[in-house]
Amino acid sequence: MDNLPAHKAAGIRDAIEAAGATLMFLPPYSPDFNPIENAFAKLKALMRAKAERSIPALWNTIGSL
């Protein structure tokens, strides 16, 4: 998790651990460790390659990925 204050609110740790997950915080300013950043980078590259110029075409491209 990143260090967003909401992620440190009371009860969050308990809820995560109750679900059987381990709570791990990322170092500050470390987007390379955040897997969603890799997904967003790939999505942006695909969108640039399509070069859609209208909102409907953009949504159609996103829907077809």
PDB file of N, CA and C in Angstrom:
ATOM      1  N   MET A   1       0.839  -1.177   0.000  1.00  0.00           N
ATOM      2  CA  MET A   1       0.000   0.000   0.000  1.00  0.00           C
ATOM      3  C   MET A   1       0.882   1.237   0.000  1.00  0.00           C
ATOM      4  N   ASP A   2       0.353   2.293  -0.550  1.00  0.00           N
ATOM      5  CA  ASP A   2       1.085   3.541  -0.447  1.00  0.00           C
ATOM      6  C   ASP A   2       0.804   4.141   0.931  1.00  0.00           C
ATOM      7  N   ASN A   3       1.351   5.266   1.194  1.00  0.00           N
ATOM      8  CA  ASN A   3       1.245   5.856   2.524  1.00  0.00           C
ATOM      9  C   ASN A   3       0.120   6.883   2.644  1.00  0.00           C
ATOM     10  N   LEU A   4      -0.932   6.711   1.870  1.00  0.00           N
ATOM     11  CA  LEU A   4      -2.098   7.581   1.962  1.00  0.00           C
ATOM     12  C   LEU A   4      -2.658   7.509   3.378  1.00  0.00           C
ATOM     13  N   PRO A   5      -2.930   8.646   4.010  1.00  0.00           N
ATOM     14  CA  PRO A   5      -3.436   8.616   5.390  1.00  0.00           C
ATOM     15  C   PRO A   5      -4.673   7.738   5.576  1.00  0.00           C
ATOM     16  N   ALA A   6      -5.544   7.660   4.567  1.00  0.00           N
ATOM     17  CA  ALA A   6      -6.740   6.818   4.694  1.00  0.00           C
ATOM     18  C   ALA A   6      -6.381   5.348   4.858  1.00  0.00           C
ATOM     19  N   HIS A   7      -5.232   4.946   4.311  1.00  0.00           N
ATOM     20  CA  HIS A   7      -4.811   3.554   4.450  1.00  0.00           C
ATOM     21  C   HIS A   7      -4.313   3.239   5.855  1.00  0.00           C
ATOM     22  N   LYS A   8      -4.075   4.271   6.632  1.00  0.00           N
ATOM     23  CA  LYS A   8      -3.591   4.081   7.999  1.00  0.00           C
ATOM     24  C   LYS A   8      -4.684   4.340   9.033  1.00  0.00           C
ATOM     25  N   ALA A   9      -5.905   4.572   8.589  1.00  0.00           N
ATOM     26  CA  ALA A   9      -7.014   4.877   9.497  1.00  0.00           C
ATOM     27  C   ALA A   9      -7.322   3.681  10.393  1.00  0.00           C
ATOM     28  N   ALA A  10      -7.898   3.972  11.533  1.00  0.00           N
ATOM     29  CA  ALA A  10      -8.237   2.918  12.492  1.00  0.00           C
ATOM     30  C   ALA A  10      -9.144   1.887  11.833  1.00  0.00           C
ATOM     31  N   GLY A  11      -8.840   0.637  12.044  1.00  0.00           N
ATOM     32  CA  GLY A  11      -9.655  -0.448  11.523  1.00  0.00           C
ATOM     33  C   GLY A  11      -9.209  -0.987  10.184  1.00  0.00           C
ATOM     34  N   ILE A  12      -8.448  -0.225   9.424  1.00  0.00           N
ATOM     35  CA  ILE A  12      -8.001  -0.688   8.110  1.00  0.00           C
ATOM     36  C   ILE A  12      -7.075  -1.886   8.256  1.00  0.00           C
ATOM     37  N   ARG A  13      -6.083  -1.778   9.132  1.00  0.00           N
ATOM     38  CA  ARG A  13      -5.151  -2.890   9.347  1.00  0.00           C
ATOM     39  C   ARG A  13      -5.920  -4.139   9.776  1.00  0.00           C
ATOM     40  N   ASP A  14      -6.867  -3.982  10.699  1.00  0.00           N
ATOM     41  CA  ASP A  14      -7.647  -5.123  11.182  1.00  0.00           C
ATOM     42  C   ASP A  14      -8.444  -5.764  10.048  1.00  0.00           C
ATOM     43  N   ALA A  15      -9.057  -4.944   9.203  1.00  0.00           N
ATOM     44  CA  ALA A  15      -9.859  -5.473   8.098  1.00  0.00           C
ATOM     45  C   ALA A  15      -8.994  -6.233   7.102  1.00  0.00           C
ATOM     46  N   ILE A  16      -7.823  -5.711   6.817  1.00  0.00           N
ATOM     47  CA  ILE A  16      -6.920  -6.369   5.870  1.00  0.00           C
ATOM     48  C   ILE A  16      -6.426  -7.687   6.437  1.00  0.00           C
ATOM     49  N   GLU A  17      -5.989  -7.670   7.680  1.00  0.00           N
ATOM     50  CA  GLU A  17      -5.481  -8.893   8.294  1.00  0.00           C
ATOM     51  C   GLU A  17      -6.593  -9.910   8.521  1.00  0.00           C
ATOM     52  N   ALA A  18      -7.819  -9.456   8.781  1.00  0.00           N
ATOM     53  CA  ALA A  18      -8.950 -10.375   8.948  1.00  0.00           C
ATOM     54  C   ALA A  18      -9.262 -11.107   7.642  1.00  0.00           C
ATOM     55  N   ALA A  19      -8.938 -10.470   6.517  1.00  0.00           N
ATOM     56  CA  ALA A  19      -9.150 -11.093   5.210  1.00  0.00           C
ATOM     57  C   ALA A  19      -8.025 -12.057   4.861  1.00  0.00           C
ATOM     58  N   GLY A  20      -7.024 -12.162   5.741  1.00  0.00           N
ATOM     59  CA  GLY A  20      -5.914 -13.083   5.511  1.00  0.00           C
ATOM     60  C   GLY A  20      -4.772 -12.494   4.709  1.00  0.00           C
ATOM     61  N   ALA A  21      -4.791 -11.196   4.506  1.00  0.00           N
ATOM     62  CA  ALA A  21      -3.734 -10.533   3.739  1.00  0.00           C
ATOM     63  C   ALA A  21      -2.698  -9.937   4.680  1.00  0.00           C
ATOM     64  N   THR A  22      -1.521  -9.732   4.153  1.00  0.00           N
ATOM     65  CA  THR A  22      -0.446  -9.103   4.908  1.00  0.00           C
ATOM     66  C   THR A  22      -0.349  -7.646   4.482  1.00  0.00           C
ATOM     67  N   LEU A  23      -0.264  -6.773   5.437  1.00  0.00           N
ATOM     68  CA  LEU A  23      -0.185  -5.343   5.169  1.00  0.00           C
ATOM     69  C   LEU A  23       1.270  -4.964   4.931  1.00  0.00           C
ATOM     70  N   MET A  24       1.549  -4.407   3.756  1.00  0.00           N
ATOM     71  CA  MET A  24       2.901  -3.977   3.411  1.00  0.00           C
ATOM     72  C   MET A  24       2.808  -2.582   2.806  1.00  0.00           C
ATOM     73  N   PHE A  25       3.589  -1.656   3.316  1.00  0.00           N
ATOM     74  CA  PHE A  25       3.597  -0.291   2.796  1.00  0.00           C
ATOM     75  C   PHE A  25       4.754  -0.107   1.830  1.00  0.00           C
ATOM     76  N   LEU A  26       4.527   0.682   0.801  1.00  0.00           N
ATOM     77  CA  LEU A  26       5.571   1.023  -0.153  1.00  0.00           C
ATOM     78  C   LEU A  26       6.387   2.189   0.384  1.00  0.00           C
ATOM     79  N   PRO A  27       7.667   2.256  -0.003  1.00  0.00           N
ATOM     80  CA  PRO A  27       8.442   3.443   0.356  1.00  0.00           C
ATOM     81  C   PRO A  27       7.842   4.667  -0.346  1.00  0.00           C
ATOM     82  N   PRO A  28       8.006   5.853   0.229  1.00  0.00           N
ATOM     83  CA  PRO A  28       7.470   7.055  -0.415  1.00  0.00           C
ATOM     84  C   PRO A  28       8.059   7.265  -1.811  1.00  0.00           C
ATOM     85  N   TYR A  29       7.243   7.780  -2.707  1.00  0.00           N
ATOM     86  CA  TYR A  29       7.675   8.120  -4.060  1.00  0.00           C
ATOM     87  C   TYR A  29       8.288   6.927  -4.786  1.00  0.00           C
ATOM     88  N   SER A  30       7.603   5.787  -4.772  1.00  0.00           N
ATOM     89  CA  SER A  30       8.136   4.593  -5.422  1.00  0.00           C
ATOM     90  C   SER A  30       7.118   3.991  -6.391  1.00  0.00           C
ATOM     91  N   PRO A  31       6.773   4.693  -7.462  1.00  0.00           N
ATOM     92  CA  PRO A  31       5.784   4.155  -8.394  1.00  0.00           C
ATOM     93  C   PRO A  31       6.248   2.872  -9.075  1.00  0.00           C
ATOM     94  N   ASP A  32       7.556   2.627  -9.134  1.00  0.00           N
ATOM     95  CA  ASP A  32       8.058   1.407  -9.761  1.00  0.00           C
ATOM     96  C   ASP A  32       7.637   0.157  -9.004  1.00  0.00           C
ATOM     97  N   PHE A  33       7.334   0.280  -7.722  1.00  0.00           N
ATOM     98  CA  PHE A  33       6.923  -0.866  -6.922  1.00  0.00           C
ATOM     99  C   PHE A  33       5.414  -1.072  -6.940  1.00  0.00           C
ATOM    100  N   ASN A  34       4.680  -0.186  -7.563  1.00  0.00           N
ATOM    101  CA  ASN A  34       3.227  -0.249  -7.570  1.00  0.00           C
ATOM    102  C   ASN A  34       2.764  -0.895  -8.880  1.00  0.00           C
ATOM    103  N   PRO A  35       2.235  -2.127  -8.842  1.00  0.00           N
ATOM    104  CA  PRO A  35       1.885  -2.844 -10.074  1.00  0.00           C
ATOM    105  C   PRO A  35       0.882  -2.117 -10.962  1.00  0.00           C
ATOM    106  N   ILE A  36      -0.006  -1.318 -10.396  1.00  0.00           N
ATOM    107  CA  ILE A  36      -0.994  -0.633 -11.226  1.00  0.00           C
ATOM    108  C   ILE A  36      -0.322   0.383 -12.144  1.00  0.00           C
ATOM    109  N   GLU A  37       0.828   0.910 -11.731  1.00  0.00           N
ATOM    110  CA  GLU A  37       1.547   1.857 -12.584  1.00  0.00           C
ATOM    111  C   GLU A  37       2.005   1.177 -13.870  1.00  0.00           C
ATOM    112  N   ASN A  38       2.406  -0.106 -13.791  1.00  0.00           N
ATOM    113  CA  ASN A  38       2.797  -0.845 -14.997  1.00  0.00           C
ATOM    114  C   ASN A  38       1.596  -1.047 -15.911  1.00  0.00           C
ATOM    115  N   ALA A  39       0.457  -1.370 -15.332  1.00  0.00           N
ATOM    116  CA  ALA A  39      -0.756  -1.554 -16.132  1.00  0.00           C
ATOM    117  C   ALA A  39      -1.158  -0.246 -16.809  1.00  0.00           C
ATOM    118  N   PHE A  40      -1.095   0.864 -16.075  1.00  0.00           N
ATOM    119  CA  PHE A  40      -1.436   2.159 -16.660  1.00  0.00           C
ATOM    120  C   PHE A  40      -0.467   2.524 -17.785  1.00  0.00           C
ATOM    121  N   ALA A  41       0.810   2.206 -17.627  1.00  0.00           N
ATOM    122  CA  ALA A  41       1.797   2.508 -18.667  1.00  0.00           C
ATOM    123  C   ALA A  41       1.475   1.739 -19.945  1.00  0.00           C
ATOM    124  N   LYS A  42       1.110   0.468 -19.810  1.00  0.00           N
ATOM    125  CA  LYS A  42       0.754  -0.327 -20.990  1.00  0.00           C
ATOM    126  C   LYS A  42      -0.520   0.202 -21.642  1.00  0.00           C
ATOM    127  N   LEU A  43      -1.505   0.561 -20.821  1.00  0.00           N
ATOM    128  CA  LEU A  43      -2.752   1.109 -21.349  1.00  0.00           C
ATOM    129  C   LEU A  43      -2.487   2.402 -22.118  1.00  0.00           C
ATOM    130  N   LYS A  44      -1.658   3.281 -21.550  1.00  0.00           N
ATOM    131  CA  LYS A  44      -1.353   4.544 -22.224  1.00  0.00           C
ATOM    132  C   LYS A  44      -0.619   4.301 -23.536  1.00  0.00           C
ATOM    133  N   ALA A  45       0.294   3.317 -23.570  1.00  0.00           N
ATOM    134  CA  ALA A  45       1.017   3.014 -24.802  1.00  0.00           C
ATOM    135  C   ALA A  45       0.061   2.492 -25.877  1.00  0.00           C
ATOM    136  N   LEU A  46      -0.861   1.622 -25.487  1.00  0.00           N
ATOM    137  CA  LEU A  46      -1.843   1.113 -26.444  1.00  0.00           C
ATOM    138  C   LEU A  46      -2.744   2.228 -26.961  1.00  0.00           C
ATOM    139  N   MET A  47      -3.141   3.120 -26.078  1.00  0.00           N
ATOM    140  CA  MET A  47      -4.012   4.220 -26.479  1.00  0.00           C
ATOM    141  C   MET A  47      -3.285   5.186 -27.418  1.00  0.00           C
ATOM    142  N   ARG A  48      -2.001   5.428 -27.137  1.00  0.00           N
ATOM    143  CA  ARG A  48      -1.227   6.302 -28.032  1.00  0.00           C
ATOM    144  C   ARG A  48      -1.104   5.676 -29.418  1.00  0.00           C
ATOM    145  N   ALA A  49      -0.897   4.356 -29.458  1.00  0.00           N
ATOM    146  CA  ALA A  49      -0.750   3.672 -30.744  1.00  0.00           C
ATOM    147  C   ALA A  49      -2.038   3.749 -31.564  1.00  0.00           C
ATOM    148  N   LYS A  50      -3.181   3.703 -30.909  1.00  0.00           N
ATOM    149  CA  LYS A  50      -4.465   3.797 -31.614  1.00  0.00           C
ATOM    150  C   LYS A  50      -4.748   5.217 -32.085  1.00  0.00           C
ATOM    151  N   ALA A  51      -4.282   6.191 -31.332  1.00  0.00           N
ATOM    152  CA  ALA A  51      -4.411   7.615 -31.685  1.00  0.00           C
ATOM    153  C   ALA A  51      -5.851   8.027 -32.003  1.00  0.00           C
ATOM    154  N   GLU A  52      -6.775   7.597 -31.174  1.00  0.00           N
ATOM    155  CA  GLU A  52      -8.179   7.980 -31.369  1.00  0.00           C
ATOM    156  C   GLU A  52      -8.342   9.480 -31.139  1.00  0.00           C
ATOM    157  N   ARG A  53      -9.237  10.098 -31.910  1.00  0.00           N
ATOM    158  CA  ARG A  53      -9.404  11.544 -31.832  1.00  0.00           C
ATOM    159  C   ARG A  53     -10.794  11.982 -31.384  1.00  0.00           C
ATOM    160  N   SER A  54     -11.620  11.028 -30.965  1.00  0.00           N
ATOM    161  CA  SER A  54     -12.938  11.403 -30.455  1.00  0.00           C
ATOM    162  C   SER A  54     -13.227  10.579 -29.203  1.00  0.00           C
ATOM    163  N   ILE A  55     -14.080  11.108 -28.355  1.00  0.00           N
ATOM    164  CA  ILE A  55     -14.419  10.415 -27.107  1.00  0.00           C
ATOM    165  C   ILE A  55     -15.087   9.063 -27.381  1.00  0.00           C
ATOM    166  N   PRO A  56     -16.076   8.974 -28.274  1.00  0.00           N
ATOM    167  CA  PRO A  56     -16.683   7.658 -28.534  1.00  0.00           C
ATOM    168  C   PRO A  56     -15.676   6.635 -29.059  1.00  0.00           C
ATOM    169  N   ALA A  57     -14.797   7.061 -29.957  1.00  0.00           N
ATOM    170  CA  ALA A  57     -13.785   6.141 -30.484  1.00  0.00           C
ATOM    171  C   ALA A  57     -12.824   5.709 -29.383  1.00  0.00           C
ATOM    172  N   LEU A  58     -12.493   6.631 -28.500  1.00  0.00           N
ATOM    173  CA  LEU A  58     -11.617   6.313 -27.370  1.00  0.00           C
ATOM    174  C   LEU A  58     -12.251   5.250 -26.481  1.00  0.00           C
ATOM    175  N   TRP A  59     -13.530   5.422 -26.134  1.00  0.00           N
ATOM    176  CA  TRP A  59     -14.222   4.440 -25.289  1.00  0.00           C
ATOM    177  C   TRP A  59     -14.355   3.096 -25.997  1.00  0.00           C
ATOM    178  N   ASN A  60     -14.578   3.103 -27.302  1.00  0.00           N
ATOM    179  CA  ASN A  60     -14.641   1.841 -28.048  1.00  0.00           C
ATOM    180  C   ASN A  60     -13.312   1.108 -27.993  1.00  0.00           C
ATOM    181  N   THR A  61     -12.226   1.846 -28.108  1.00  0.00           N
ATOM    182  CA  THR A  61     -10.902   1.235 -28.030  1.00  0.00           C
ATOM    183  C   THR A  61     -10.654   0.664 -26.644  1.00  0.00           C
ATOM    184  N   ILE A  62     -10.995   1.413 -25.614  1.00  0.00           N
ATOM    185  CA  ILE A  62     -10.812   0.926 -24.243  1.00  0.00           C
ATOM    186  C   ILE A  62     -11.640  -0.340 -24.031  1.00  0.00           C
ATOM    187  N   GLY A  63     -12.868  -0.349 -24.539  1.00  0.00           N
ATOM    188  CA  GLY A  63     -13.735  -1.513 -24.382  1.00  0.00           C
ATOM    189  C   GLY A  63     -13.240  -2.740 -25.116  1.00  0.00           C
ATOM    190  N   SER A  64     -12.449  -2.546 -26.155  1.00  0.00           N
ATOM    191  CA  SER A  64     -11.966  -3.693 -26.934  1.00  0.00           C
ATOM    192  C   SER A  64     -10.642  -4.251 -26.421  1.00  0.00           C
ATOM    193  N   LEU A  65     -10.036  -3.604 -25.431  1.00  0.00           N
ATOM    194  CA  LEU A  65      -8.739  -4.084 -24.925  1.00  0.00           C
ATOM    195  C   LEU A  65      -8.902  -5.281 -24.071  1.00  0.00           C
TER     196      LEU A  65
END
